[in-house]
C-alpha atoms as a PDB file:
ATOM      1  CA  UNK A   1     -57.504  12.116   8.039  1.00  0.00           C
ATOM      2  CA  UNK A   2     -56.493  11.430  11.638  1.00  0.00           C
ATOM      3  CA  UNK A   3     -53.632  13.257  13.308  1.00  0.00           C
ATOM      4  CA  UNK A   4     -51.880   9.967  14.242  1.00  0.00           C
ATOM      5  CA  UNK A   5     -51.614   8.840  10.612  1.00  0.00           C
ATOM      6  CA  UNK A   6     -48.076   7.942   9.513  1.00  0.00           C
ATOM      7  CA  UNK A   7     -47.532   6.797   5.924  1.00  0.00           C
ATOM      8  CA  UNK A   8     -44.494   4.677   6.790  1.00  0.00           C
ATOM      9  CA  UNK A   9     -43.865   1.998   9.409  1.00  0.00           C
ATOM     10  CA  UNK A  10     -42.131   3.181  12.574  1.00  0.00           C
ATOM     11  CA  UNK A  11     -38.357   3.407  12.658  1.00  0.00           C
ATOM     12  CA  UNK A  12     -36.493   0.667  14.540  1.00  0.00           C
ATOM     13  CA  UNK A  13     -36.681   1.277  18.258  1.00  0.00           C
ATOM     14  CA  UNK A  14     -39.800   3.466  17.949  1.00  0.00           C
ATOM     15  CA  UNK A  15     -43.099   2.284  19.427  1.00  0.00           C
ATOM     16  CA  UNK A  16     -45.951   1.371  17.159  1.00  0.00           C
ATOM     17  CA  UNK A  17     -48.001   4.622  16.855  1.00  0.00           C
ATOM     18  CA  UNK A  18     -51.276   2.780  17.302  1.00  0.00           C
ATOM     19  CA  UNK A  19     -50.029   1.122  20.495  1.00  0.00           C
ATOM     20  CA  UNK A  20     -51.160  -2.261  19.182  1.00  0.00           C
ATOM     21  CA  UNK A  21     -48.918  -5.353  19.297  1.00  0.00           C
ATOM     22  CA  UNK A  22     -47.818  -6.892  16.019  1.00  0.00           C
ATOM     23  CA  UNK A  23     -50.786  -8.601  14.392  1.00  0.00           C
ATOM     24  CA  UNK A  24     -51.069 -12.381  14.338  1.00  0.00           C
ATOM     25  CA  UNK A  25     -48.175 -12.848  16.792  1.00  0.00           C
ATOM     26  CA  UNK A  26     -45.529 -12.379  14.101  1.00  0.00           C
ATOM     27  CA  UNK A  27     -41.995 -11.565  15.234  1.00  0.00           C
ATOM     28  CA  UNK A  28     -41.042  -7.924  15.249  1.00  0.00           C
ATOM     29  CA  UNK A  29     -38.755  -7.280  12.240  1.00  0.00           C
ATOM     30  CA  UNK A  30     -36.696  -4.666  14.102  1.00  0.00           C
ATOM     31  CA  UNK A  31     -35.081  -6.993  16.636  1.00  0.00           C
ATOM     32  CA  UNK A  32     -37.275  -5.842  19.537  1.00  0.00           C
ATOM     33  CA  UNK A  33     -38.993  -8.355  21.789  1.00  0.00           C
ATOM     34  CA  UNK A  34     -42.132  -9.569  20.140  1.00  0.00           C
ATOM     35  CA  UNK A  35     -45.581  -9.361  21.625  1.00  0.00           C
ATOM     36  CA  UNK A  36     -46.698 -11.793  24.325  1.00  0.00           C
ATOM     37  CA  UNK A  37     -43.128 -12.307  25.613  1.00  0.00           C
ATOM     38  CA  UNK A  38     -42.103 -14.716  22.839  1.00  0.00           C
ATOM     39  CA  UNK A  39     -38.421 -14.689  21.834  1.00  0.00           C
ATOM     40  CA  UNK A  40     -37.623 -13.185  18.469  1.00  0.00           C
ATOM     41  CA  UNK A  41     -36.199 -15.966  16.261  1.00  0.00           C
ATOM     42  CA  UNK A  42     -34.530 -13.414  13.973  1.00  0.00           C
ATOM     43  CA  UNK A  43     -32.550 -11.551  16.621  1.00  0.00           C
ATOM     44  CA  UNK A  44     -29.459 -13.748  16.112  1.00  0.00           C
ATOM     45  CA  UNK A  45     -29.246 -12.535  12.510  1.00  0.00           C
ATOM     46  CA  UNK A  46     -29.675  -8.847  13.288  1.00  0.00           C
ATOM     47  CA  UNK A  47     -26.128  -8.179  14.474  1.00  0.00           C
ATOM     48  CA  UNK A  48     -22.836  -9.962  14.348  1.00  0.00           C
ATOM     49  CA  UNK A  49     -20.091  -9.342  16.850  1.00  0.00           C
ATOM     50  CA  UNK A  50     -17.649  -6.667  15.785  1.00  0.00           C
ATOM     51  CA  UNK A  51     -14.576  -8.728  16.641  1.00  0.00           C
ATOM     52  CA  UNK A  52     -11.536  -7.368  18.411  1.00  0.00           C
ATOM     53  CA  UNK A  53      -9.508  -5.129  16.063  1.00  0.00           C
ATOM     54  CA  UNK A  54      -6.335  -5.691  18.081  1.00  0.00           C
ATOM     55  CA  UNK A  55      -6.651  -9.493  18.158  1.00  0.00           C
ATOM     56  CA  UNK A  56      -5.357 -10.706  14.805  1.00  0.00           C
ATOM     57  CA  UNK A  57      -6.367 -14.283  15.576  1.00  0.00           C
ATOM     58  CA  UNK A  58     -10.097 -13.457  15.317  1.00  0.00           C
ATOM     59  CA  UNK A  59     -12.147 -12.142  12.386  1.00  0.00           C
ATOM     60  CA  UNK A  60     -13.027  -8.447  12.404  1.00  0.00           C
ATOM     61  CA  UNK A  61     -16.662  -7.965  11.416  1.00  0.00           C
ATOM     62  CA  UNK A  62     -17.509  -4.484  10.158  1.00  0.00           C
ATOM     63  CA  UNK A  63     -13.904  -3.730   9.149  1.00  0.00           C
ATOM     64  CA  UNK A  64     -13.172  -0.771   6.879  1.00  0.00           C
ATOM     65  CA  UNK A  65     -11.120  -0.678   3.681  1.00  0.00           C
ATOM     66  CA  UNK A  66      -7.865   0.709   5.121  1.00  0.00           C
ATOM     67  CA  UNK A  67      -7.893  -1.578   8.150  1.00  0.00           C
ATOM     68  CA  UNK A  68      -8.673  -4.609   5.977  1.00  0.00           C
ATOM     69  CA  UNK A  69      -5.690  -3.920   3.725  1.00  0.00           C
ATOM     70  CA  UNK A  70      -3.341  -3.373   6.663  1.00  0.00           C
ATOM     71  CA  UNK A  71      -4.544  -6.602   8.234  1.00  0.00           C
ATOM     72  CA  UNK A  72      -4.060  -8.395   4.891  1.00  0.00           C
ATOM     73  CA  UNK A  73      -0.324  -7.738   5.079  1.00  0.00           C
ATOM     74  CA  UNK A  74      -0.033  -8.240   8.850  1.00  0.00           C
ATOM     75  CA  UNK A  75      -1.357 -11.777   8.381  1.00  0.00           C
ATOM     76  CA  UNK A  76       0.828 -12.393   5.325  1.00  0.00           C
ATOM     77  CA  UNK A  77       1.284 -16.160   5.721  1.00  0.00           C
ATOM     78  CA  UNK A  78      -1.354 -16.971   8.351  1.00  0.00           C
ATOM     79  CA  UNK A  79      -3.545 -19.836   7.157  1.00  0.00           C
ATOM     80  CA  UNK A  80      -5.154 -20.473  10.568  1.00  0.00           C
ATOM     81  CA  UNK A  81      -8.113 -18.638  12.029  1.00  0.00           C
ATOM     82  CA  UNK A  82     -10.895 -16.864  10.180  1.00  0.00           C
ATOM     83  CA  UNK A  83     -11.501 -13.773   8.025  1.00  0.00           C
ATOM     84  CA  UNK A  84     -14.796 -11.880   7.774  1.00  0.00           C
ATOM     85  CA  UNK A  85     -16.497 -10.997   4.497  1.00  0.00           C
ATOM     86  CA  UNK A  86     -15.276  -7.411   4.849  1.00  0.00           C
ATOM     87  CA  UNK A  87     -11.686  -8.549   5.353  1.00  0.00           C
ATOM     88  CA  UNK A  88     -11.863 -10.499   2.095  1.00  0.00           C
ATOM     89  CA  UNK A  89     -13.918  -8.248  -0.173  1.00  0.00           C
ATOM     90  CA  UNK A  90     -12.185  -4.951   0.706  1.00  0.00           C
ATOM     91  CA  UNK A  91      -8.827  -6.526  -0.137  1.00  0.00           C
ATOM     92  CA  UNK A  92     -10.223  -8.025  -3.364  1.00  0.00           C
ATOM     93  CA  UNK A  93     -11.531  -4.575  -4.372  1.00  0.00           C
ATOM     94  CA  UNK A  94      -8.231  -2.782  -3.690  1.00  0.00           C
ATOM     95  CA  UNK A  95      -6.199  -5.438  -5.532  1.00  0.00           C
ATOM     96  CA  UNK A  96      -8.583  -5.282  -8.496  1.00  0.00           C
ATOM     97  CA  UNK A  97      -8.278  -1.475  -8.662  1.00  0.00           C
ATOM     98  CA  UNK A  98      -4.467  -1.607  -8.484  1.00  0.00           C
ATOM     99  CA  UNK A  99      -4.260  -4.137 -11.328  1.00  0.00           C
ATOM    100  CA  UNK A 100      -6.838  -2.206 -13.404  1.00  0.00           C
ATOM    101  CA  UNK A 101      -4.889   1.048 -13.015  1.00  0.00           C
ATOM    102  CA  UNK A 102      -1.638  -0.657 -14.013  1.00  0.00           C
ATOM    103  CA  UNK A 103      -3.276  -2.215 -17.093  1.00  0.00           C
ATOM    104  CA  UNK A 104      -4.774   1.160 -18.004  1.00  0.00           C
ATOM    105  CA  UNK A 105      -1.350   2.809 -17.745  1.00  0.00           C
ATOM    106  CA  UNK A 106       0.118   0.193 -20.082  1.00  0.00           C
ATOM    107  CA  UNK A 107      -2.631   0.609 -22.657  1.00  0.00           C
ATOM    108  CA  UNK A 108      -2.541   4.429 -22.559  1.00  0.00           C
ATOM    109  CA  UNK A 109       1.158   5.255 -22.218  1.00  0.00           C
ATOM    110  CA  UNK A 110       3.090   2.008 -22.508  1.00  0.00           C
ATOM    111  CA  UNK A 111       2.160   0.971 -26.017  1.00  0.00           C
ATOM    112  CA  UNK A 112       3.984   2.068 -29.145  1.00  0.00           C
ATOM    113  CA  UNK A 113       1.070   2.150 -31.577  1.00  0.00           C
ATOM    114  CA  UNK A 114       3.270   3.279 -34.478  1.00  0.00           C
ATOM    115  CA  UNK A 115       5.198   0.012 -34.309  1.00  0.00           C
ATOM    116  CA  UNK A 116       2.103  -2.199 -34.246  1.00  0.00           C
ATOM    117  CA  UNK A 117       2.126  -5.092 -36.673  1.00  0.00           C
ATOM    118  CA  UNK A 118      -0.175  -7.930 -37.470  1.00  0.00           C
ATOM    119  CA  UNK A 119       1.796 -10.283 -35.226  1.00  0.00           C
ATOM    120  CA  UNK A 120       2.331  -7.788 -32.384  1.00  0.00           C
ATOM    121  CA  UNK A 121      -0.757  -5.544 -32.199  1.00  0.00           C
ATOM    122  CA  UNK A 122       0.335  -3.944 -28.868  1.00  0.00           C
ATOM    123  CA  UNK A 123       4.116  -3.534 -28.845  1.00  0.00           C
ATOM    124  CA  UNK A 124       5.341  -2.089 -25.556  1.00  0.00           C
ATOM    125  CA  UNK A 125       7.660   0.842 -25.150  1.00  0.00           C
ATOM    126  CA  UNK A 126      10.023   1.193 -22.173  1.00  0.00           C
ATOM    127  CA  UNK A 127       7.290   2.537 -19.886  1.00  0.00           C
ATOM    128  CA  UNK A 128       5.005  -0.382 -20.751  1.00  0.00           C
ATOM    129  CA  UNK A 129       7.724  -2.901 -19.972  1.00  0.00           C
ATOM    130  CA  UNK A 130       8.402  -1.169 -16.632  1.00  0.00           C
ATOM    131  CA  UNK A 131       4.704  -1.177 -15.665  1.00  0.00           C
ATOM    132  CA  UNK A 132       4.404  -4.859 -16.637  1.00  0.00           C
ATOM    133  CA  UNK A 133       7.379  -5.684 -14.396  1.00  0.00           C
ATOM    134  CA  UNK A 134       5.748  -3.735 -11.530  1.00  0.00           C
ATOM    135  CA  UNK A 135       2.494  -5.621 -12.108  1.00  0.00           C
ATOM    136  CA  UNK A 136       4.298  -8.986 -12.076  1.00  0.00           C
ATOM    137  CA  UNK A 137       6.095  -8.075  -8.835  1.00  0.00           C
ATOM    138  CA  UNK A 138       2.800  -6.958  -7.278  1.00  0.00           C
ATOM    139  CA  UNK A 139       1.148 -10.244  -8.304  1.00  0.00           C
ATOM    140  CA  UNK A 140       3.997 -12.200  -6.705  1.00  0.00           C
ATOM    141  CA  UNK A 141       3.816 -10.064  -3.546  1.00  0.00           C
ATOM    142  CA  UNK A 142       0.106 -10.750  -3.001  1.00  0.00           C
ATOM    143  CA  UNK A 143       0.044 -14.407  -4.090  1.00  0.00           C
ATOM    144  CA  UNK A 144       0.659 -16.023  -0.689  1.00  0.00           C
ATOM    145  CA  UNK A 145      -1.360 -13.545   1.424  1.00  0.00           C
ATOM    146  CA  UNK A 146      -4.275 -13.800  -1.024  1.00  0.00           C
ATOM    147  CA  UNK A 147      -4.303 -17.579  -0.723  1.00  0.00           C
ATOM    148  CA  UNK A 148      -4.060 -17.288   3.082  1.00  0.00           C
ATOM    149  CA  UNK A 149      -6.950 -14.798   3.119  1.00  0.00           C
ATOM    150  CA  UNK A 150      -9.158 -17.090   1.034  1.00  0.00           C
ATOM    151  CA  UNK A 151      -8.221 -19.972   3.348  1.00  0.00           C
ATOM    152  CA  UNK A 152      -9.294 -17.971   6.420  1.00  0.00           C
ATOM    153  CA  UNK A 153     -12.469 -16.795   4.665  1.00  0.00           C
ATOM    154  CA  UNK A 154     -13.447 -20.421   4.050  1.00  0.00           C
ATOM    155  CA  UNK A 155     -12.824 -21.148   7.732  1.00  0.00           C
ATOM    156  CA  UNK A 156     -15.274 -18.355   8.619  1.00  0.00           C
ATOM    157  CA  UNK A 157     -18.058 -20.164   6.742  1.00  0.00           C
ATOM    158  CA  UNK A 158     -17.060 -23.455   8.432  1.00  0.00           C
ATOM    159  CA  UNK A 159     -15.324 -25.006   5.432  1.00  0.00           C
ATOM    160  CA  UNK A 160     -11.737 -26.249   5.254  1.00  0.00           C
ATOM    161  CA  UNK A 161      -9.359 -24.064   3.233  1.00  0.00           C
ATOM    162  CA  UNK A 162      -8.699 -26.651   0.492  1.00  0.00           C
ATOM    163  CA  UNK A 163     -12.296 -26.165  -0.678  1.00  0.00           C
ATOM    164  CA  UNK A 164     -10.814 -23.243  -2.616  1.00  0.00           C
ATOM    165  CA  UNK A 165      -9.504 -25.742  -5.145  1.00  0.00           C
ATOM    166  CA  UNK A 166     -13.092 -26.450  -6.194  1.00  0.00           C
ATOM    167  CA  UNK A 167     -12.407 -23.461  -8.465  1.00  0.00           C
ATOM    168  CA  UNK A 168     -10.424 -25.841 -10.695  1.00  0.00           C
ATOM    169  CA  UNK A 169     -13.681 -27.493 -11.782  1.00  0.00           C
ATOM    170  CA  UNK A 170     -14.493 -25.925 -15.166  1.00  0.00           C
ATOM    171  CA  UNK A 171     -17.375 -23.417 -15.236  1.00  0.00           C
ATOM    172  CA  UNK A 172     -19.112 -24.433 -12.012  1.00  0.00           C
ATOM    173  CA  UNK A 173     -16.082 -24.247  -9.717  1.00  0.00           C
ATOM    174  CA  UNK A 174     -15.639 -20.467  -9.749  1.00  0.00           C
ATOM    175  CA  UNK A 175     -19.356 -19.905  -9.268  1.00  0.00           C
ATOM    176  CA  UNK A 176     -19.313 -22.096  -6.146  1.00  0.00           C
ATOM    177  CA  UNK A 177     -16.187 -20.384  -4.776  1.00  0.00           C
ATOM    178  CA  UNK A 178     -17.627 -16.877  -5.285  1.00  0.00           C
ATOM    179  CA  UNK A 179     -20.860 -17.972  -3.606  1.00  0.00           C
ATOM    180  CA  UNK A 180     -18.924 -19.321  -0.610  1.00  0.00           C
ATOM    181  CA  UNK A 181     -16.749 -16.198  -0.370  1.00  0.00           C
ATOM    182  CA  UNK A 182     -19.891 -14.042  -0.286  1.00  0.00           C
ATOM    183  CA  UNK A 183     -21.684 -16.262   2.256  1.00  0.00           C
ATOM    184  CA  UNK A 184     -22.526 -15.185   5.797  1.00  0.00           C
ATOM    185  CA  UNK A 185     -20.206 -16.137   8.609  1.00  0.00           C
ATOM    186  CA  UNK A 186     -21.154 -19.238  10.567  1.00  0.00           C
ATOM    187  CA  UNK A 187     -20.579 -19.547  14.312  1.00  0.00           C
ATOM    188  CA  UNK A 188     -19.390 -23.124  13.757  1.00  0.00           C
ATOM    189  CA  UNK A 189     -16.339 -21.675  12.011  1.00  0.00           C
ATOM    190  CA  UNK A 190     -14.929 -20.816  15.434  1.00  0.00           C
ATOM    191  CA  UNK A 191     -13.480 -24.335  15.487  1.00  0.00           C
ATOM    192  CA  UNK A 192     -10.726 -22.980  13.210  1.00  0.00           C
ATOM    193  CA  UNK A 193      -9.716 -20.223  15.653  1.00  0.00           C
ATOM    194  CA  UNK A 194      -6.226 -20.437  17.062  1.00  0.00           C
ATOM    195  CA  UNK A 195      -5.475 -17.930  19.812  1.00  0.00           C
ATOM    196  CA  UNK A 196      -1.908 -16.763  19.396  1.00  0.00           C
ATOM    197  CA  UNK A 197       0.178 -13.609  19.160  1.00  0.00           C
ATOM    198  CA  UNK A 198       1.095 -12.350  15.688  1.00  0.00           C
END
């Protein structure tokens, strides 16, 4: 076995150990210039701009969970501009966890199982009623910002916000909306940007 043998391909940014250019003139998968001076057609997909964290009028690509949730409330009623996938999905995850914890609290501690009947299989005690009121208030508090966030997310994939109402189509609608929400950002979505101070 030769001393130059490596069982795995080189890491990104590392030279090819054999010193040979990529065979058959294929583009380099690591975003480096390809052999023979040809431009790499995949380089545009390698990295997206990070966005400016301080500029609320632009999407923030690569946002973290805490920053996404803060931004969700800072842009409470903003239907203009765009929102990155991270801005949407981190908020969706946190809201799902909050609702799941509240429902779990009701089922574990807010139900009076001794009073269960055929017509009321889960009668609530005082704690259950309180948690249900908190859940209803939380749902009301996030209704408008959630709709605004979805609106901005659709703008980021170059679709008008009202496309969200495709979800009203039975069965197929929600599948299409989830697909769009998970789609990559499109540069054409910049037409929805409105530079302003929030």
